[in-house]
Amino acid sequence: MKERTPLRRSAPVEAENDGVIEGRNAVVEALRAGVTIDKIFIMKGETDATLGHIASSAREKGIVVVDADRRKLDGMSRTHSHQGVIALAACREYASVEDILQSARDKGEAPLIVVCDELSDPHNLGAVIRTAECAGAHGVIIPKRRSAGLTAIVAKTSAGAVAHMPVARVPNIPSLLKQLKQAGVWVFGTAADADTTLYNADLKGPAAIVIGSEGDGMGRLVAENCDFKVSIPMKGHINSLNASAAAAIFLYEAVRQRLN
């Protein structure tokens, strides 16, 4: 019987396969190799010099570093030897907000943008990206923290749409909304208690649709920076929709209006 050769995959190959890079040497190698990393989780309270070097190198590159307890790292680990650090590789590089606005200009279309306010479920984010691509939106914007990123799970859930849909990541959503308004984009926030229903909203012009988090909806400062708060008519006993379903309904109402 042929002897098995132990699998020793490089960090870039691991990132390509499932996006989870574990262990100090693997994460250091990924940083050196220029792998696009979404977030790095480091065990809380660790003072090890190598972990400190990883954290400082990551922050210099603009990568989000998250303190995590051992239980979280153990739950994320595939190898059970994470050595106090796990990196999640991004499946593609992030775009800029200007890239998204320029995409609309290049097509001669009014911008149609989806802003996700702290969607933590990667399946939801992947579904939003897929719908946004199908609806002809020009981009999706997410926050750097307290949000799912462009991980392998998001890519798989998007059914390949992540390769075609620009996704930008910003430090602060309220500031981003102000930036969009200065660029002439109207901001529509989804809210169950809004006075305006979706079918009375004018989505033909430059529009950014804000989708709130799965549990709490839009944050207070995010809601305050919306030009309009809009609700989806609810006729059943349950008064809320999944975030990705709400995004789909809003996007396709915008498509319908823009076709007329």
C-alpha atoms as a PDB file:
ATOM      1  CA  MET A   1       0.000   0.000   0.000  1.00  0.00           C
ATOM      2  CA  LYS A   2       1.319   3.395  -0.954  1.00  0.00           C
ATOM      3  CA  GLU A   3       2.291   5.485   2.071  1.00  0.00           C
ATOM      4  CA  ARG A   4       0.224   8.603   2.548  1.00  0.00           C
ATOM      5  CA  THR A   5       1.994  11.921   2.433  1.00  0.00           C
ATOM      6  CA  PRO A   6       0.885  14.245   5.258  1.00  0.00           C
ATOM      7  CA  LEU A   7      -1.140  17.166   3.975  1.00  0.00           C
ATOM      8  CA  ARG A   8       0.769  20.414   4.509  1.00  0.00           C
ATOM      9  CA  ARG A   9      -1.208  23.065   2.676  1.00  0.00           C
ATOM     10  CA  SER A  10       0.068  26.601   2.355  1.00  0.00           C
ATOM     11  CA  ALA A  11      -1.976  29.443   3.788  1.00  0.00           C
ATOM     12  CA  PRO A  12      -3.054  30.720   0.332  1.00  0.00           C
ATOM     13  CA  VAL A  13      -4.341  27.245  -0.590  1.00  0.00           C
ATOM     14  CA  GLU A  14      -6.259  26.961   2.676  1.00  0.00           C
ATOM     15  CA  ALA A  15      -7.768  30.373   2.024  1.00  0.00           C
ATOM     16  CA  GLU A  16      -8.795  29.286  -1.452  1.00  0.00           C
ATOM     17  CA  ASN A  17     -10.511  26.159  -0.170  1.00  0.00           C
ATOM     18  CA  ASP A  18     -12.520  27.294   2.818  1.00  0.00           C
ATOM     19  CA  GLY A  19     -11.220  30.683   3.928  1.00  0.00           C
ATOM     20  CA  VAL A  20     -10.202  29.492   7.424  1.00  0.00           C
ATOM     21  CA  ILE A  21      -6.490  29.937   8.195  1.00  0.00           C
ATOM     22  CA  GLU A  22      -5.403  28.548  11.566  1.00  0.00           C
ATOM     23  CA  GLY A  23      -2.218  28.697  13.590  1.00  0.00           C
ATOM     24  CA  ARG A  24       0.477  31.303  14.047  1.00  0.00           C
ATOM     25  CA  ASN A  25       2.783  30.295  11.204  1.00  0.00           C
ATOM     26  CA  ALA A  26      -0.091  29.913   8.716  1.00  0.00           C
ATOM     27  CA  VAL A  27      -1.526  33.340   9.544  1.00  0.00           C
ATOM     28  CA  VAL A  28       1.913  35.010   9.409  1.00  0.00           C
ATOM     29  CA  GLU A  29       2.507  33.375   6.017  1.00  0.00           C
ATOM     30  CA  ALA A  30      -0.876  34.547   4.737  1.00  0.00           C
ATOM     31  CA  LEU A  31      -0.114  38.127   5.791  1.00  0.00           C
ATOM     32  CA  ARG A  32       3.283  37.981   4.089  1.00  0.00           C
ATOM     33  CA  ALA A  33       1.807  36.442   0.932  1.00  0.00           C
ATOM     34  CA  GLY A  34      -0.735  39.238   0.600  1.00  0.00           C
ATOM     35  CA  VAL A  35      -3.798  37.028   1.006  1.00  0.00           C
ATOM     36  CA  THR A  36      -6.889  39.256   1.250  1.00  0.00           C
ATOM     37  CA  ILE A  37      -7.975  38.679   4.844  1.00  0.00           C
ATOM     38  CA  ASP A  38     -11.396  39.670   6.123  1.00  0.00           C
ATOM     39  CA  LYS A  39     -10.805  39.381   9.883  1.00  0.00           C
ATOM     40  CA  ILE A  40      -8.323  37.920  12.326  1.00  0.00           C
ATOM     41  CA  PHE A  41      -9.533  36.470  15.632  1.00  0.00           C
ATOM     42  CA  ILE A  42      -6.936  36.431  18.437  1.00  0.00           C
ATOM     43  CA  MET A  43      -7.427  34.832  21.835  1.00  0.00           C
ATOM     44  CA  LYS A  44      -8.352  37.387  24.441  1.00  0.00           C
ATOM     45  CA  GLY A  45      -5.706  38.077  27.089  1.00  0.00           C
ATOM     46  CA  GLU A  46      -2.809  36.486  25.172  1.00  0.00           C
ATOM     47  CA  THR A  47       0.483  38.411  25.490  1.00  0.00           C
ATOM     48  CA  ASP A  48       2.554  36.168  23.233  1.00  0.00           C
ATOM     49  CA  ALA A  49       5.010  38.137  21.045  1.00  0.00           C
ATOM     50  CA  THR A  50       4.015  36.325  17.851  1.00  0.00           C
ATOM     51  CA  LEU A  51       0.323  37.050  18.369  1.00  0.00           C
ATOM     52  CA  GLY A  52       1.187  40.678  19.121  1.00  0.00           C
ATOM     53  CA  HIS A  53       3.149  40.854  15.860  1.00  0.00           C
ATOM     54  CA  ILE A  54       0.223  39.333  13.944  1.00  0.00           C
ATOM     55  CA  ALA A  55      -2.187  41.878  15.455  1.00  0.00           C
ATOM     56  CA  SER A  56       0.028  44.880  14.692  1.00  0.00           C
ATOM     57  CA  SER A  57       0.787  43.696  11.141  1.00  0.00           C
ATOM     58  CA  ALA A  58      -2.912  43.139  10.486  1.00  0.00           C
ATOM     59  CA  ARG A  59      -3.919  46.571  11.773  1.00  0.00           C
ATOM     60  CA  GLU A  60      -1.242  48.202   9.595  1.00  0.00           C
ATOM     61  CA  LYS A  61      -2.895  46.547   6.595  1.00  0.00           C
ATOM     62  CA  GLY A  62      -6.362  47.740   7.671  1.00  0.00           C
ATOM     63  CA  ILE A  63      -7.517  44.243   8.653  1.00  0.00           C
ATOM     64  CA  VAL A  64     -10.074  43.984  11.446  1.00  0.00           C
ATOM     65  CA  VAL A  65      -8.636  42.274  14.553  1.00  0.00           C
ATOM     66  CA  VAL A  66     -11.171  40.759  16.957  1.00  0.00           C
ATOM     67  CA  ASP A  67     -10.532  39.627  20.545  1.00  0.00           C
ATOM     68  CA  ALA A  68     -12.128  36.214  21.014  1.00  0.00           C
ATOM     69  CA  ASP A  69     -12.318  33.802  23.922  1.00  0.00           C
ATOM     70  CA  ARG A  70     -11.037  30.237  23.620  1.00  0.00           C
ATOM     71  CA  ARG A  71     -14.560  28.842  23.289  1.00  0.00           C
ATOM     72  CA  LYS A  72     -15.224  30.902  20.153  1.00  0.00           C
ATOM     73  CA  LEU A  73     -11.884  29.969  18.600  1.00  0.00           C
ATOM     74  CA  ASP A  74     -12.433  26.287  19.396  1.00  0.00           C
ATOM     75  CA  GLY A  75     -15.836  26.505  17.708  1.00  0.00           C
ATOM     76  CA  MET A  76     -14.348  28.082  14.576  1.00  0.00           C
ATOM     77  CA  SER A  77     -11.372  25.705  14.380  1.00  0.00           C
ATOM     78  CA  ARG A  78     -11.202  22.917  11.811  1.00  0.00           C
ATOM     79  CA  THR A  79      -7.843  21.521  12.957  1.00  0.00           C
ATOM     80  CA  HIS A  80      -8.271  21.883  16.742  1.00  0.00           C
ATOM     81  CA  SER A  81      -4.781  23.421  16.885  1.00  0.00           C
ATOM     82  CA  HIS A  82      -5.441  27.102  16.243  1.00  0.00           C
ATOM     83  CA  GLN A  83      -2.712  28.278  18.667  1.00  0.00           C
ATOM     84  CA  GLY A  84      -4.822  31.253  19.688  1.00  0.00           C
ATOM     85  CA  VAL A  85      -5.313  32.756  16.224  1.00  0.00           C
ATOM     86  CA  ILE A  86      -7.658  32.206  13.283  1.00  0.00           C
ATOM     87  CA  ALA A  87      -7.874  34.333  10.152  1.00  0.00           C
ATOM     88  CA  LEU A  88     -10.805  34.388   7.741  1.00  0.00           C
ATOM     89  CA  ALA A  89      -9.681  35.046   4.200  1.00  0.00           C
ATOM     90  CA  ALA A  90     -11.873  37.191   1.963  1.00  0.00           C
ATOM     91  CA  CYS A  91     -13.005  35.519  -1.261  1.00  0.00           C
ATOM     92  CA  ARG A  92     -12.203  38.709  -3.194  1.00  0.00           C
ATOM     93  CA  GLU A  93     -10.900  42.221  -2.613  1.00  0.00           C
ATOM     94  CA  TYR A  94     -13.288  44.901  -1.414  1.00  0.00           C
ATOM     95  CA  ALA A  95     -14.307  47.736  -3.712  1.00  0.00           C
ATOM     96  CA  SER A  96     -14.496  51.383  -2.671  1.00  0.00           C
ATOM     97  CA  VAL A  97     -17.665  53.447  -2.406  1.00  0.00           C
ATOM     98  CA  GLU A  98     -16.373  55.542  -5.308  1.00  0.00           C
ATOM     99  CA  ASP A  99     -15.991  52.348  -7.385  1.00  0.00           C
ATOM    100  CA  ILE A 100     -19.692  51.660  -6.862  1.00  0.00           C
ATOM    101  CA  LEU A 101     -20.770  55.191  -7.781  1.00  0.00           C
ATOM    102  CA  GLN A 102     -18.483  55.116 -10.834  1.00  0.00           C
ATOM    103  CA  SER A 103     -20.047  51.824 -11.940  1.00  0.00           C
ATOM    104  CA  ALA A 104     -23.437  53.551 -12.098  1.00  0.00           C
ATOM    105  CA  ARG A 105     -21.948  56.480 -14.033  1.00  0.00           C
ATOM    106  CA  ASP A 106     -20.268  54.148 -16.516  1.00  0.00           C
ATOM    107  CA  LYS A 107     -23.626  52.487 -17.217  1.00  0.00           C
ATOM    108  CA  GLY A 108     -25.469  55.799 -17.436  1.00  0.00           C
ATOM    109  CA  GLU A 109     -27.840  54.687 -14.667  1.00  0.00           C
ATOM    110  CA  ALA A 110     -29.102  56.183 -11.428  1.00  0.00           C
ATOM    111  CA  PRO A 111     -27.186  54.474  -8.592  1.00  0.00           C
ATOM    112  CA  LEU A 112     -28.961  51.594  -6.865  1.00  0.00           C
ATOM    113  CA  ILE A 113     -27.029  50.549  -3.759  1.00  0.00           C
ATOM    114  CA  VAL A 114     -27.755  48.188  -0.873  1.00  0.00           C
ATOM    115  CA  VAL A 115     -26.370  49.171   2.536  1.00  0.00           C
ATOM    116  CA  CYS A 116     -26.333  46.359   5.105  1.00  0.00           C
ATOM    117  CA  ASP A 117     -26.341  47.639   8.684  1.00  0.00           C
ATOM    118  CA  GLU A 118     -24.573  44.899  10.678  1.00  0.00           C
ATOM    119  CA  LEU A 119     -25.849  41.736   8.988  1.00  0.00           C
ATOM    120  CA  SER A 120     -24.001  39.114  11.027  1.00  0.00           C
ATOM    121  CA  ASP A 121     -25.285  35.999   9.243  1.00  0.00           C
ATOM    122  CA  PRO A 122     -23.051  35.183   6.233  1.00  0.00           C
ATOM    123  CA  HIS A 123     -25.934  33.322   4.568  1.00  0.00           C
ATOM    124  CA  ASN A 124     -28.054  36.479   4.712  1.00  0.00           C
ATOM    125  CA  LEU A 125     -25.244  38.606   3.288  1.00  0.00           C
ATOM    126  CA  GLY A 126     -24.622  36.092   0.513  1.00  0.00           C
ATOM    127  CA  ALA A 127     -28.320  36.057  -0.372  1.00  0.00           C
ATOM    128  CA  VAL A 128     -28.416  39.887  -0.446  1.00  0.00           C
ATOM    129  CA  ILE A 129     -25.403  40.006  -2.773  1.00  0.00           C
ATOM    130  CA  ARG A 130     -27.014  37.418  -5.065  1.00  0.00           C
ATOM    131  CA  THR A 131     -30.288  39.342  -5.269  1.00  0.00           C
ATOM    132  CA  ALA A 132     -28.492  42.669  -5.732  1.00  0.00           C
ATOM    133  CA  GLU A 133     -26.569  41.245  -8.694  1.00  0.00           C
ATOM    134  CA  CYS A 134     -29.714  39.771 -10.252  1.00  0.00           C
ATOM    135  CA  ALA A 135     -31.567  43.083  -9.819  1.00  0.00           C
ATOM    136  CA  GLY A 136     -28.796  45.086 -11.467  1.00  0.00           C
ATOM    137  CA  ALA A 137     -27.740  47.000  -8.355  1.00  0.00           C
ATOM    138  CA  HIS A 138     -24.402  48.762  -8.586  1.00  0.00           C
ATOM    139  CA  GLY A 139     -22.971  47.667  -5.247  1.00  0.00           C
ATOM    140  CA  VAL A 140     -23.399  46.501  -1.672  1.00  0.00           C
ATOM    141  CA  ILE A 141     -21.862  48.292   1.316  1.00  0.00           C
ATOM    142  CA  ILE A 142     -21.176  46.720   4.716  1.00  0.00           C
ATOM    143  CA  PRO A 143     -19.519  47.941   7.953  1.00  0.00           C
ATOM    144  CA  LYS A 144     -16.045  46.750   8.949  1.00  0.00           C
ATOM    145  CA  ARG A 145     -17.170  45.530  12.370  1.00  0.00           C
ATOM    146  CA  ARG A 146     -20.174  43.596  13.638  1.00  0.00           C
ATOM    147  CA  SER A 147     -20.892  42.287  10.166  1.00  0.00           C
ATOM    148  CA  ALA A 148     -20.278  39.210   8.089  1.00  0.00           C
ATOM    149  CA  GLY A 149     -17.553  39.776   5.507  1.00  0.00           C
ATOM    150  CA  LEU A 150     -16.681  38.336   2.111  1.00  0.00           C
ATOM    151  CA  THR A 151     -15.886  34.863   3.384  1.00  0.00           C
ATOM    152  CA  ALA A 152     -16.150  31.526   1.593  1.00  0.00           C
ATOM    153  CA  ILE A 153     -19.626  30.945   3.077  1.00  0.00           C
ATOM    154  CA  VAL A 154     -20.837  34.272   1.682  1.00  0.00           C
ATOM    155  CA  ALA A 155     -19.358  33.435  -1.717  1.00  0.00           C
ATOM    156  CA  LYS A 156     -21.067  30.038  -1.777  1.00  0.00           C
ATOM    157  CA  THR A 157     -24.433  31.442  -0.681  1.00  0.00           C
ATOM    158  CA  SER A 158     -24.210  34.165  -3.324  1.00  0.00           C
ATOM    159  CA  ALA A 159     -24.016  31.438  -6.013  1.00  0.00           C
ATOM    160  CA  GLY A 160     -21.101  33.204  -7.677  1.00  0.00           C
ATOM    161  CA  ALA A 161     -22.637  36.687  -7.596  1.00  0.00           C
ATOM    162  CA  VAL A 162     -19.833  37.933  -5.333  1.00  0.00           C
ATOM    163  CA  ALA A 163     -17.510  37.738  -8.350  1.00  0.00           C
ATOM    164  CA  HIS A 164     -19.641  40.313 -10.196  1.00  0.00           C
ATOM    165  CA  MET A 165     -21.080  42.547  -7.467  1.00  0.00           C
ATOM    166  CA  PRO A 166     -18.781  45.241  -5.982  1.00  0.00           C
ATOM    167  CA  VAL A 167     -18.850  45.125  -2.176  1.00  0.00           C
ATOM    168  CA  ALA A 168     -17.374  48.026  -0.207  1.00  0.00           C
ATOM    169  CA  ARG A 169     -16.571  47.972   3.500  1.00  0.00           C
ATOM    170  CA  VAL A 170     -16.613  51.170   5.561  1.00  0.00           C
ATOM    171  CA  PRO A 171     -15.720  52.029   9.176  1.00  0.00           C
ATOM    172  CA  ASN A 172     -18.977  53.837   9.920  1.00  0.00           C
ATOM    173  CA  ILE A 173     -22.407  53.483   8.288  1.00  0.00           C
ATOM    174  CA  PRO A 174     -23.886  56.856   9.424  1.00  0.00           C
ATOM    175  CA  SER A 175     -20.858  58.640   7.915  1.00  0.00           C
ATOM    176  CA  LEU A 176     -21.253  56.561   4.755  1.00  0.00           C
ATOM    177  CA  LEU A 177     -24.896  57.643   4.437  1.00  0.00           C
ATOM    178  CA  LYS A 178     -23.858  61.295   4.711  1.00  0.00           C
ATOM    179  CA  GLN A 179     -21.293  60.686   1.975  1.00  0.00           C
ATOM    180  CA  LEU A 180     -23.922  59.126  -0.282  1.00  0.00           C
ATOM    181  CA  LYS A 181     -26.327  62.014   0.283  1.00  0.00           C
ATOM    182  CA  GLN A 182     -23.592  64.492  -0.645  1.00  0.00           C
ATOM    183  CA  ALA A 183     -23.198  62.500  -3.875  1.00  0.00           C
ATOM    184  CA  GLY A 184     -26.894  63.040  -4.638  1.00  0.00           C
ATOM    185  CA  VAL A 185     -28.152  59.623  -3.526  1.00  0.00           C
ATOM    186  CA  TRP A 186     -31.451  59.381  -1.614  1.00  0.00           C
ATOM    187  CA  VAL A 187     -31.289  57.039   1.392  1.00  0.00           C
ATOM    188  CA  PHE A 188     -34.248  54.741   2.121  1.00  0.00           C
ATOM    189  CA  GLY A 189     -34.262  52.860   5.426  1.00  0.00           C
ATOM    190  CA  THR A 190     -36.372  49.766   6.005  1.00  0.00           C
ATOM    191  CA  ALA A 191     -38.444  50.081   9.185  1.00  0.00           C
ATOM    192  CA  ALA A 192     -41.594  48.304  10.336  1.00  0.00           C
ATOM    193  CA  ASP A 193     -43.005  51.472  11.962  1.00  0.00           C
ATOM    194  CA  ALA A 194     -42.396  53.767   8.972  1.00  0.00           C
ATOM    195  CA  ASP A 195     -45.132  56.125   7.767  1.00  0.00           C
ATOM    196  CA  THR A 196     -44.417  55.475   4.075  1.00  0.00           C
ATOM    197  CA  THR A 197     -45.057  52.066   2.528  1.00  0.00           C
ATOM    198  CA  LEU A 198     -42.727  50.629  -0.069  1.00  0.00           C
ATOM    199  CA  TYR A 199     -45.213  51.066  -2.905  1.00  0.00           C
ATOM    200  CA  ASN A 200     -45.495  54.801  -2.228  1.00  0.00           C
ATOM    201  CA  ALA A 201     -41.717  55.347  -2.231  1.00  0.00           C
ATOM    202  CA  ASP A 202     -40.060  56.782  -5.333  1.00  0.00           C
ATOM    203  CA  LEU A 203     -37.105  54.527  -6.119  1.00  0.00           C
ATOM    204  CA  LYS A 204     -36.545  55.688  -9.703  1.00  0.00           C
ATOM    205  CA  GLY A 205     -33.774  58.138  -8.836  1.00  0.00           C
ATOM    206  CA  PRO A 206     -30.391  57.577  -7.175  1.00  0.00           C
ATOM    207  CA  ALA A 207     -31.216  55.316  -4.226  1.00  0.00           C
ATOM    208  CA  ALA A 208     -29.496  53.524  -1.375  1.00  0.00           C
ATOM    209  CA  ILE A 209     -31.604  50.928   0.426  1.00  0.00           C
ATOM    210  CA  VAL A 210     -30.576  50.318   4.046  1.00  0.00           C
ATOM    211  CA  ILE A 211     -31.274  46.840   5.420  1.00  0.00           C
ATOM    212  CA  GLY A 212     -31.122  46.571   9.219  1.00  0.00           C
ATOM    213  CA  SER A 213     -29.580  43.773  11.259  1.00  0.00           C
ATOM    214  CA  GLU A 214     -31.380  40.461  11.746  1.00  0.00           C
ATOM    215  CA  GLY A 215     -32.395  41.093  15.347  1.00  0.00           C
ATOM    216  CA  ASP A 216     -32.624  44.828  15.965  1.00  0.00           C
ATOM    217  CA  GLY A 217     -33.118  46.412  12.550  1.00  0.00           C
ATOM    218  CA  MET A 218     -31.390  49.704  11.821  1.00  0.00           C
ATOM    219  CA  GLY A 219     -29.350  51.369  14.547  1.00  0.00           C
ATOM    220  CA  ARG A 220     -30.554  54.742  15.862  1.00  0.00           C
ATOM    221  CA  LEU A 221     -27.853  56.839  14.177  1.00  0.00           C
ATOM    222  CA  VAL A 222     -28.323  54.945  10.925  1.00  0.00           C
ATOM    223  CA  ALA A 223     -32.079  55.573  11.011  1.00  0.00           C
ATOM    224  CA  GLU A 224     -31.519  59.270  11.732  1.00  0.00           C
ATOM    225  CA  ASN A 225     -29.392  59.582   8.609  1.00  0.00           C
ATOM    226  CA  CYS A 226     -32.032  58.139   6.274  1.00  0.00           C
ATOM    227  CA  ASP A 227     -33.976  60.538   4.050  1.00  0.00           C
ATOM    228  CA  PHE A 228     -37.019  58.247   4.153  1.00  0.00           C
ATOM    229  CA  LYS A 229     -38.089  55.333   6.328  1.00  0.00           C
ATOM    230  CA  VAL A 230     -40.156  52.825   4.409  1.00  0.00           C
ATOM    231  CA  SER A 231     -42.122  49.732   5.433  1.00  0.00           C
ATOM    232  CA  ILE A 232     -43.178  46.591   3.609  1.00  0.00           C
ATOM    233  CA  PRO A 233     -46.940  45.939   3.980  1.00  0.00           C
ATOM    234  CA  MET A 234     -47.434  42.960   6.301  1.00  0.00           C
ATOM    235  CA  LYS A 235     -50.713  41.037   6.112  1.00  0.00           C
ATOM    236  CA  GLY A 236     -49.965  37.944   8.173  1.00  0.00           C
ATOM    237  CA  HIS A 237     -49.545  37.219  11.873  1.00  0.00           C
ATOM    238  CA  ILE A 238     -45.756  37.635  11.798  1.00  0.00           C
ATOM    239  CA  ASN A 239     -44.637  41.256  11.501  1.00  0.00           C
ATOM    240  CA  SER A 240     -41.119  40.940  10.132  1.00  0.00           C
ATOM    241  CA  LEU A 241     -39.220  39.385   7.235  1.00  0.00           C
ATOM    242  CA  ASN A 242     -35.784  37.850   6.959  1.00  0.00           C
ATOM    243  CA  ALA A 243     -33.250  40.574   6.079  1.00  0.00           C
ATOM    244  CA  SER A 244     -32.396  39.073   2.697  1.00  0.00           C
ATOM    245  CA  ALA A 245     -36.097  38.669   1.832  1.00  0.00           C
ATOM    246  CA  ALA A 246     -36.730  42.329   2.699  1.00  0.00           C
ATOM    247  CA  ALA A 247     -33.801  43.356   0.505  1.00  0.00           C
ATOM    248  CA  ALA A 248     -35.189  41.317  -2.404  1.00  0.00           C
ATOM    249  CA  ILE A 249     -38.623  42.919  -2.134  1.00  0.00           C
ATOM    250  CA  PHE A 250     -37.164  46.445  -2.028  1.00  0.00           C
ATOM    251  CA  LEU A 251     -34.754  45.813  -4.880  1.00  0.00           C
ATOM    252  CA  TYR A 252     -37.368  44.412  -7.192  1.00  0.00           C
ATOM    253  CA  GLU A 253     -39.773  47.234  -6.448  1.00  0.00           C
ATOM    254  CA  ALA A 254     -36.948  49.534  -7.567  1.00  0.00           C
ATOM    255  CA  VAL A 255     -36.526  47.385 -10.709  1.00  0.00           C
ATOM    256  CA  ARG A 256     -40.265  47.569 -11.421  1.00  0.00           C
ATOM    257  CA  GLN A 257     -40.334  51.347 -11.060  1.00  0.00           C
ATOM    258  CA  ARG A 258     -37.263  51.818 -13.238  1.00  0.00           C
ATOM    259  CA  LEU A 259     -38.742  49.713 -16.030  1.00  0.00           C
ATOM    260  CA  ASN A 260     -41.746  52.034 -16.367  1.00  0.00           C
END
